[in-house]
Amino acid sequence: MAEAIKILNDGSVPPRRQSIYTFLASHEEFKELIGRTLKRVIIDEVDLTTGLYTATVEFEGSGINLSVKMIPSQAIYLAMITGKPIYVTRRLVEMERKMNEEGGEEGGEGEEGETSF
């Protein structure tokens, strides 16, 4: 993914064998197509036994609403290339704050609802 972000930021030439990340970073027409329907990304779940987070990617277009569960890094990448907002649910922010406080770290004040990045 780091290579794709470099291509996105620098306009570098993608390698011959591309990941989906480098492909999307180097093909403006696909980014625009995704950007027309992608509404937002919300980091909204964590599996406490594995520590793995899940994101919901919301698409909206032509009267159809679709929510897709994704790996957060992939969802964040889609939001990055399309300029769409990324949120974290208040519940996860509070959970992290509580875990940090129990671990001896200080937690900061949060907003109600979702936190934007």
Protein backbone atom coordinates (compact mmCIF):
# COMPACT_ATOMS: atom_id res chain seq x y z
CA MET A 1 0.00 0.00 0.00
CA ALA A 2 2.92 2.35 0.69
CA GLU A 3 3.92 2.09 -2.96
CA ALA A 4 0.40 3.08 -4.04
CA ILE A 5 0.39 6.10 -1.72
CA LYS A 6 3.74 7.15 -3.20
CA ILE A 7 2.28 6.86 -6.71
CA LEU A 8 -0.79 8.81 -5.59
CA ASN A 9 1.32 11.60 -4.05
CA ASP A 10 4.25 11.75 -6.48
CA GLY A 11 2.63 10.73 -9.75
CA SER A 12 5.28 7.98 -10.09
CA VAL A 13 4.99 5.34 -12.80
CA PRO A 14 3.37 2.17 -11.43
CA PRO A 15 5.21 -1.17 -11.68
CA ARG A 16 4.38 -3.67 -14.45
CA ARG A 17 2.74 -6.06 -11.95
CA GLN A 18 0.32 -3.95 -9.90
CA SER A 19 -1.67 -4.39 -6.72
CA ILE A 20 -5.22 -3.06 -6.63
CA TYR A 21 -3.77 -0.13 -4.70
CA THR A 22 -1.28 0.89 -7.37
CA PHE A 23 -3.86 0.26 -10.09
CA LEU A 24 -6.39 2.60 -8.52
CA ALA A 25 -3.72 5.20 -7.72
CA SER A 26 -2.67 5.33 -11.36
CA HIS A 27 -6.10 5.20 -13.08
CA GLU A 28 -8.01 8.42 -12.57
CA GLU A 29 -11.17 7.15 -14.29
CA PHE A 30 -11.61 4.36 -11.73
CA LYS A 31 -10.96 6.72 -8.82
CA GLU A 32 -13.64 9.04 -10.19
CA LEU A 33 -16.08 6.17 -10.63
CA ILE A 34 -15.60 5.01 -7.03
CA GLY A 35 -15.68 8.61 -5.80
CA ARG A 36 -19.11 9.20 -7.33
CA THR A 37 -20.73 6.55 -5.16
CA LEU A 38 -18.50 6.28 -2.07
CA LYS A 39 -20.12 8.29 0.71
CA ARG A 40 -17.89 7.67 3.74
CA VAL A 41 -15.81 5.16 5.70
CA ILE A 42 -16.55 4.34 9.32
CA ILE A 43 -14.20 2.32 11.52
CA ASP A 44 -16.93 0.74 13.63
CA GLU A 45 -16.02 -2.69 14.99
CA VAL A 46 -13.23 -4.46 16.83
CA ASP A 47 -12.96 -8.14 17.67
CA LEU A 48 -11.61 -8.07 21.22
CA THR A 49 -10.30 -11.62 20.99
CA THR A 50 -8.14 -10.93 17.92
CA GLY A 51 -7.74 -7.15 18.12
CA LEU A 52 -8.80 -6.83 14.47
CA TYR A 53 -10.84 -3.80 13.45
CA THR A 54 -13.51 -3.65 10.76
CA ALA A 55 -14.67 -0.70 8.68
CA THR A 56 -17.98 -0.06 6.97
CA VAL A 57 -17.74 1.55 3.56
CA GLU A 58 -20.96 3.28 2.56
CA PHE A 59 -21.85 3.67 -1.10
CA GLU A 60 -24.80 5.69 -2.35
CA GLY A 61 -25.99 6.27 -5.89
CA SER A 62 -28.97 5.98 -8.21
CA GLY A 63 -31.28 5.46 -5.25
CA ILE A 64 -29.25 2.48 -3.98
CA ASN A 65 -27.47 2.44 -0.62
CA LEU A 66 -24.87 -0.24 0.02
CA SER A 67 -22.75 -0.86 3.11
CA VAL A 68 -19.73 -3.13 2.75
CA LYS A 69 -17.57 -4.44 5.61
CA MET A 70 -13.87 -4.13 4.78
CA ILE A 71 -10.39 -4.33 6.21
CA PRO A 72 -9.83 -0.80 7.59
CA SER A 73 -6.59 -0.12 5.70
CA GLN A 74 -8.31 -0.90 2.40
CA ALA A 75 -11.37 1.18 3.29
CA ILE A 76 -9.15 4.10 4.35
CA TYR A 77 -7.27 3.86 1.06
CA LEU A 78 -10.53 4.14 -0.89
CA ALA A 79 -11.47 7.21 1.14
CA MET A 80 -8.00 8.70 0.62
CA ILE A 81 -8.02 8.39 -3.17
CA THR A 82 -11.53 9.78 -3.45
CA GLY A 83 -11.31 12.52 -0.82
CA LYS A 84 -14.17 11.07 1.24
CA PRO A 85 -14.45 11.36 5.04
CA ILE A 86 -13.18 8.72 7.46
CA TYR A 87 -14.86 8.35 10.85
CA VAL A 88 -14.38 6.25 13.98
CA THR A 89 -17.45 5.51 16.07
CA ARG A 90 -17.65 7.12 19.48
CA ARG A 91 -17.99 3.66 21.03
CA LEU A 92 -14.57 2.62 19.71
CA VAL A 93 -12.97 5.92 20.73
CA GLU A 94 -14.36 5.52 24.26
CA MET A 95 -13.25 1.88 24.37
CA GLU A 96 -9.71 2.87 23.38
CA ARG A 97 -9.70 5.70 25.91
CA LYS A 98 -10.79 3.34 28.67
CA MET A 99 -8.16 0.75 27.74
CA ASN A 100 -5.46 3.46 27.68
CA GLU A 101 -6.54 4.81 31.07
CA GLU A 102 -6.46 1.31 32.56
CA GLY A 103 -3.00 0.87 31.06
CA GLY A 104 -1.78 4.11 32.67
CA GLU A 105 -1.98 6.37 29.61
CA GLU A 106 -4.05 9.53 29.58
CA GLY A 107 -7.03 9.73 27.25
CA GLY A 108 -8.15 12.93 25.52
CA GLU A 109 -11.58 14.45 25.24
CA GLY A 110 -13.71 13.27 22.32
CA GLU A 111 -16.63 14.54 20.30
CA GLU A 112 -20.10 13.02 20.38
CA GLY A 113 -21.05 10.56 17.66
CA GLU A 114 -18.20 9.85 15.28
CA THR A 115 -14.68 11.16 15.25
CA SER A 116 -13.35 12.38 11.90
CA PHE A 117 -9.78 12.12 10.64
